[in-house]
Amino acid sequence: MDKRLQQFLDAENITQSQLADTLGVARAGISHILSGRNRPGFDFLEAMALHYPQVSMDWLLTGKGRMYKNSSKEPAENPVFAPLKPPRRVSKILVFYDDNTFEEFQ
């Protein structure tokens, strides 16, 4: 599956980090799958199916068939990312000065 996942990243023009952030998984987990060290778990596969519904899970898991369910989709097209978490808000800003002092803003 490592080669197919890399093909998917190349086709979607996204990085390992972007995929990990989109799926809500550890970046190291993606790296381990791509290196062949680990196999993807259910949570990873479920997140792939939810966030990239256009990707054929048969292809991803077995290599059979086409990468995309709809063969008319161009592989270079970027997917629509659905956020996993609500947007974060800034709660504190620290400003460090060269005289080794700082200010905290909340």
N, C-alpha and C. Protein backbone atom coordinates (compact mmCIF):
# COMPACT_ATOMS: atom_id res chain seq x y z
N MET A 1 0.82 -1.20 0.00
CA MET A 1 0.00 0.00 0.00
C MET A 1 0.86 1.26 0.00
N ASP A 2 2.10 1.15 0.45
CA ASP A 2 2.97 2.32 0.52
C ASP A 2 3.14 3.01 -0.83
N LYS A 3 3.28 2.22 -1.89
CA LYS A 3 3.45 2.81 -3.23
C LYS A 3 2.17 3.48 -3.70
N ARG A 4 1.03 2.87 -3.40
CA ARG A 4 -0.24 3.47 -3.81
C ARG A 4 -0.51 4.76 -3.04
N LEU A 5 -0.17 4.78 -1.76
CA LEU A 5 -0.36 6.01 -0.99
C LEU A 5 0.53 7.12 -1.55
N GLN A 6 1.76 6.79 -1.94
CA GLN A 6 2.64 7.79 -2.54
C GLN A 6 2.08 8.25 -3.88
N GLN A 7 1.51 7.34 -4.67
CA GLN A 7 0.88 7.73 -5.93
C GLN A 7 -0.27 8.70 -5.68
N PHE A 8 -1.04 8.42 -4.64
CA PHE A 8 -2.15 9.31 -4.28
C PHE A 8 -1.63 10.70 -3.92
N LEU A 9 -0.59 10.77 -3.09
CA LEU A 9 -0.02 12.06 -2.70
C LEU A 9 0.46 12.82 -3.93
N ASP A 10 1.12 12.12 -4.83
CA ASP A 10 1.61 12.76 -6.05
C ASP A 10 0.46 13.25 -6.93
N ALA A 11 -0.57 12.42 -7.06
CA ALA A 11 -1.70 12.78 -7.92
C ALA A 11 -2.46 13.98 -7.36
N GLU A 12 -2.58 14.05 -6.04
CA GLU A 12 -3.30 15.16 -5.41
C GLU A 12 -2.40 16.36 -5.15
N ASN A 13 -1.11 16.19 -5.38
CA ASN A 13 -0.13 17.26 -5.16
C ASN A 13 -0.18 17.77 -3.72
N ILE A 14 -0.17 16.83 -2.76
CA ILE A 14 -0.15 17.19 -1.35
C ILE A 14 1.03 16.49 -0.68
N THR A 15 1.46 17.03 0.44
CA THR A 15 2.58 16.46 1.17
C THR A 15 2.08 15.47 2.22
N GLN A 16 3.02 14.72 2.76
CA GLN A 16 2.69 13.81 3.86
C GLN A 16 2.10 14.58 5.03
N SER A 17 2.67 15.72 5.33
CA SER A 17 2.20 16.54 6.45
C SER A 17 0.77 17.03 6.21
N GLN A 18 0.48 17.47 5.00
CA GLN A 18 -0.87 17.93 4.68
C GLN A 18 -1.88 16.79 4.82
N LEU A 19 -1.50 15.61 4.36
CA LEU A 19 -2.39 14.46 4.49
C LEU A 19 -2.63 14.14 5.97
N ALA A 20 -1.56 14.10 6.75
CA ALA A 20 -1.69 13.80 8.18
C ALA A 20 -2.59 14.81 8.87
N ASP A 21 -2.41 16.09 8.58
CA ASP A 21 -3.24 17.13 9.20
C ASP A 21 -4.70 17.00 8.77
N THR A 22 -4.93 16.70 7.51
CA THR A 22 -6.30 16.55 7.02
C THR A 22 -6.99 15.36 7.67
N LEU A 23 -6.26 14.26 7.81
CA LEU A 23 -6.85 13.04 8.37
C LEU A 23 -6.87 13.04 9.89
N GLY A 24 -6.10 13.95 10.50
CA GLY A 24 -6.04 13.99 11.95
C GLY A 24 -5.22 12.85 12.54
N VAL A 25 -4.18 12.45 11.81
CA VAL A 25 -3.30 11.38 12.29
C VAL A 25 -1.90 11.96 12.47
N ALA A 26 -1.06 11.21 13.18
CA ALA A 26 0.31 11.65 13.43
C ALA A 26 1.09 11.68 12.11
N ARG A 27 1.91 12.70 11.96
CA ARG A 27 2.73 12.80 10.74
C ARG A 27 3.67 11.62 10.62
N ALA A 28 4.19 11.17 11.76
CA ALA A 28 5.09 10.01 11.74
C ALA A 28 4.37 8.77 11.25
N GLY A 29 3.09 8.67 11.53
CA GLY A 29 2.31 7.53 11.08
C GLY A 29 2.28 7.44 9.57
N ILE A 30 2.10 8.57 8.91
CA ILE A 30 2.11 8.59 7.44
C ILE A 30 3.49 8.18 6.93
N SER A 31 4.51 8.72 7.55
CA SER A 31 5.88 8.39 7.17
C SER A 31 6.15 6.89 7.31
N HIS A 32 5.68 6.31 8.39
CA HIS A 32 5.90 4.87 8.62
C HIS A 32 5.15 4.02 7.60
N ILE A 33 3.97 4.45 7.21
CA ILE A 33 3.22 3.71 6.18
C ILE A 33 3.97 3.80 4.85
N LEU A 34 4.44 5.00 4.51
CA LEU A 34 5.13 5.19 3.23
C LEU A 34 6.45 4.44 3.16
N SER A 35 7.11 4.28 4.30
CA SER A 35 8.38 3.56 4.32
C SER A 35 8.19 2.05 4.35
N GLY A 36 6.94 1.60 4.57
CA GLY A 36 6.66 0.18 4.66
C GLY A 36 6.85 -0.39 6.05
N ARG A 37 7.19 0.47 6.99
CA ARG A 37 7.42 0.03 8.38
C ARG A 37 6.12 -0.43 9.04
N ASN A 38 5.05 0.33 8.82
CA ASN A 38 3.75 0.01 9.42
C ASN A 38 2.70 -0.13 8.34
N ARG A 39 1.66 -0.87 8.67
CA ARG A 39 0.49 -0.94 7.82
C ARG A 39 -0.55 0.01 8.40
N PRO A 40 -1.38 0.56 7.54
CA PRO A 40 -2.38 1.50 8.05
C PRO A 40 -3.44 0.78 8.88
N GLY A 41 -3.89 1.46 9.93
CA GLY A 41 -4.93 0.92 10.79
C GLY A 41 -6.30 1.35 10.31
N PHE A 42 -7.31 0.85 11.01
CA PHE A 42 -8.69 1.15 10.65
C PHE A 42 -8.96 2.65 10.67
N ASP A 43 -8.47 3.36 11.71
CA ASP A 43 -8.73 4.80 11.82
C ASP A 43 -8.19 5.55 10.61
N PHE A 44 -7.01 5.17 10.14
CA PHE A 44 -6.43 5.81 8.96
C PHE A 44 -7.30 5.55 7.74
N LEU A 45 -7.68 4.29 7.54
CA LEU A 45 -8.49 3.93 6.37
C LEU A 45 -9.85 4.59 6.40
N GLU A 46 -10.46 4.66 7.58
CA GLU A 46 -11.75 5.31 7.72
C GLU A 46 -11.63 6.80 7.40
N ALA A 47 -10.58 7.44 7.90
CA ALA A 47 -10.38 8.87 7.63
C ALA A 47 -10.15 9.11 6.13
N MET A 48 -9.40 8.22 5.49
CA MET A 48 -9.19 8.35 4.03
C MET A 48 -10.52 8.27 3.30
N ALA A 49 -11.35 7.31 3.68
CA ALA A 49 -12.65 7.14 3.01
C ALA A 49 -13.56 8.35 3.23
N LEU A 50 -13.50 8.94 4.42
CA LEU A 50 -14.35 10.09 4.73
C LEU A 50 -13.88 11.37 4.06
N HIS A 51 -12.57 11.59 4.05
CA HIS A 51 -12.03 12.85 3.53
C HIS A 51 -11.73 12.83 2.04
N TYR A 52 -11.58 11.65 1.49
CA TYR A 52 -11.30 11.52 0.06
C TYR A 52 -12.27 10.49 -0.54
N PRO A 53 -13.56 10.82 -0.58
CA PRO A 53 -14.55 9.85 -1.07
C PRO A 53 -14.36 9.50 -2.54
N GLN A 54 -13.64 10.33 -3.28
CA GLN A 54 -13.42 10.06 -4.69
C GLN A 54 -12.38 8.96 -4.91
N VAL A 55 -11.61 8.61 -3.88
CA VAL A 55 -10.57 7.59 -4.01
C VAL A 55 -11.19 6.21 -3.81
N SER A 56 -10.86 5.30 -4.70
CA SER A 56 -11.35 3.94 -4.59
C SER A 56 -10.60 3.22 -3.48
N MET A 57 -11.33 2.76 -2.48
CA MET A 57 -10.70 2.02 -1.39
C MET A 57 -10.21 0.67 -1.87
N ASP A 58 -10.87 0.09 -2.87
CA ASP A 58 -10.39 -1.16 -3.46
C ASP A 58 -8.99 -0.95 -4.02
N TRP A 59 -8.81 0.14 -4.75
CA TRP A 59 -7.50 0.43 -5.32
C TRP A 59 -6.47 0.67 -4.20
N LEU A 60 -6.85 1.46 -3.21
CA LEU A 60 -5.91 1.78 -2.14
C LEU A 60 -5.48 0.54 -1.38
N LEU A 61 -6.42 -0.35 -1.10
CA LEU A 61 -6.11 -1.54 -0.31
C LEU A 61 -5.46 -2.66 -1.12
N THR A 62 -5.95 -2.88 -2.34
CA THR A 62 -5.49 -4.05 -3.10
C THR A 62 -4.72 -3.72 -4.36
N GLY A 63 -4.86 -2.49 -4.85
CA GLY A 63 -4.21 -2.13 -6.10
C GLY A 63 -5.05 -2.47 -7.32
N LYS A 64 -6.24 -3.01 -7.10
CA LYS A 64 -7.10 -3.38 -8.22
C LYS A 64 -7.98 -2.21 -8.63
N GLY A 65 -8.17 -2.04 -9.93
CA GLY A 65 -9.02 -0.98 -10.44
C GLY A 65 -8.26 0.33 -10.57
N ARG A 66 -9.04 1.39 -10.61
CA ARG A 66 -8.49 2.74 -10.78
C ARG A 66 -8.40 3.46 -9.45
N MET A 67 -7.54 4.48 -9.41
CA MET A 67 -7.36 5.25 -8.19
C MET A 67 -8.64 5.97 -7.80
N TYR A 68 -9.34 6.51 -8.78
CA TYR A 68 -10.53 7.30 -8.50
C TYR A 68 -11.78 6.54 -8.92
N LYS A 69 -12.82 6.68 -8.12
CA LYS A 69 -14.10 6.02 -8.43
C LYS A 69 -14.66 6.55 -9.74
N ASN A 70 -14.60 7.86 -9.92
CA ASN A 70 -15.08 8.49 -11.13
C ASN A 70 -13.89 8.66 -12.05
N SER A 71 -13.79 7.85 -13.08
CA SER A 71 -12.61 7.84 -13.93
C SER A 71 -12.42 9.14 -14.71
N SER A 72 -13.46 10.00 -14.74
CA SER A 72 -13.32 11.26 -15.47
C SER A 72 -12.59 12.31 -14.64
N LYS A 73 -12.37 12.04 -13.35
CA LYS A 73 -11.68 13.00 -12.49
C LYS A 73 -10.21 13.05 -12.86
N GLU A 74 -9.72 14.25 -13.00
CA GLU A 74 -8.31 14.43 -13.28
C GLU A 74 -7.51 14.24 -12.00
N PRO A 75 -6.46 13.43 -12.00
CA PRO A 75 -5.69 13.18 -10.78
C PRO A 75 -5.06 14.42 -10.18
N ALA A 76 -4.73 15.43 -10.96
CA ALA A 76 -4.06 16.61 -10.44
C ALA A 76 -5.01 17.56 -9.71
N GLU A 77 -6.28 17.30 -9.78
CA GLU A 77 -7.27 18.16 -9.14
C GLU A 77 -7.15 18.04 -7.63
N ASN A 78 -7.14 19.16 -6.93
CA ASN A 78 -7.03 19.13 -5.48
C ASN A 78 -8.37 18.81 -4.84
N PRO A 79 -8.37 17.99 -3.78
CA PRO A 79 -9.62 17.68 -3.11
C PRO A 79 -10.09 18.84 -2.24
N VAL A 80 -11.35 18.78 -1.87
CA VAL A 80 -11.87 19.74 -0.92
C VAL A 80 -11.59 19.19 0.47
N PHE A 81 -10.86 19.94 1.27
CA PHE A 81 -10.49 19.47 2.60
C PHE A 81 -11.59 19.82 3.59
N ALA A 82 -12.02 18.84 4.32
CA ALA A 82 -12.99 19.07 5.39
C ALA A 82 -12.21 19.09 6.71
N PRO A 83 -12.31 20.15 7.46
CA PRO A 83 -11.54 20.22 8.71
C PRO A 83 -12.02 19.18 9.71
N LEU A 84 -11.07 18.60 10.42
CA LEU A 84 -11.39 17.63 11.46
C LEU A 84 -11.76 18.32 12.76
N LYS A 85 -11.11 19.43 13.01
CA LYS A 85 -11.29 20.13 14.27
C LYS A 85 -11.83 21.52 14.00
N PRO A 86 -12.52 22.10 14.97
CA PRO A 86 -12.97 23.48 14.79
C PRO A 86 -11.76 24.41 14.71
N PRO A 87 -11.90 25.55 14.07
CA PRO A 87 -10.77 26.48 13.96
C PRO A 87 -10.27 26.88 15.34
N ARG A 88 -8.97 27.04 15.42
CA ARG A 88 -8.36 27.44 16.69
C ARG A 88 -8.33 28.95 16.79
N ARG A 89 -8.40 29.45 18.02
CA ARG A 89 -8.32 30.89 18.28
C ARG A 89 -7.08 31.16 19.11
N VAL A 90 -6.47 32.29 18.89
CA VAL A 90 -5.31 32.69 19.66
C VAL A 90 -5.76 33.06 21.07
N SER A 91 -5.11 32.47 22.07
CA SER A 91 -5.48 32.77 23.45
C SER A 91 -4.38 33.53 24.18
N LYS A 92 -3.15 33.46 23.67
CA LYS A 92 -2.06 34.15 24.35
C LYS A 92 -0.96 34.44 23.34
N ILE A 93 -0.36 35.62 23.45
CA ILE A 93 0.78 35.99 22.62
C ILE A 93 1.90 36.40 23.54
N LEU A 94 3.09 35.83 23.32
CA LEU A 94 4.27 36.21 24.08
C LEU A 94 5.22 36.94 23.15
N VAL A 95 5.71 38.10 23.59
CA VAL A 95 6.67 38.87 22.81
C VAL A 95 7.96 38.91 23.61
N PHE A 96 9.03 38.37 23.03
CA PHE A 96 10.33 38.35 23.69
C PHE A 96 11.20 39.46 23.11
N TYR A 97 11.86 40.19 24.01
CA TYR A 97 12.73 41.29 23.62
C TYR A 97 14.18 40.89 23.78
N ASP A 98 15.07 41.64 23.08
CA ASP A 98 16.49 41.31 23.12
C ASP A 98 17.14 41.60 24.46
N ASP A 99 16.46 42.29 25.37
CA ASP A 99 17.02 42.51 26.71
C ASP A 99 16.55 41.44 27.69
N ASN A 100 16.10 40.28 27.15
CA ASN A 100 15.66 39.12 27.93
C ASN A 100 14.40 39.37 28.74
N THR A 101 13.59 40.32 28.32
CA THR A 101 12.29 40.52 28.96
C THR A 101 11.22 40.08 27.97
N PHE A 102 10.00 39.98 28.46
CA PHE A 102 8.91 39.61 27.59
C PHE A 102 7.62 40.22 28.09
N GLU A 103 6.65 40.26 27.19
CA GLU A 103 5.30 40.71 27.52
C GLU A 103 4.34 39.62 27.10
N GLU A 104 3.31 39.48 27.89
CA GLU A 104 2.28 38.49 27.61
C GLU A 104 0.96 39.21 27.35
N PHE A 105 0.33 38.85 26.23
CA PHE A 105 -0.95 39.44 25.87
C PHE A 105 -1.99 38.32 25.79
N GLN A 106 -3.17 38.57 26.40
CA GLN A 106 -4.22 37.55 26.36
C GLN A 106 -5.45 38.09 25.69
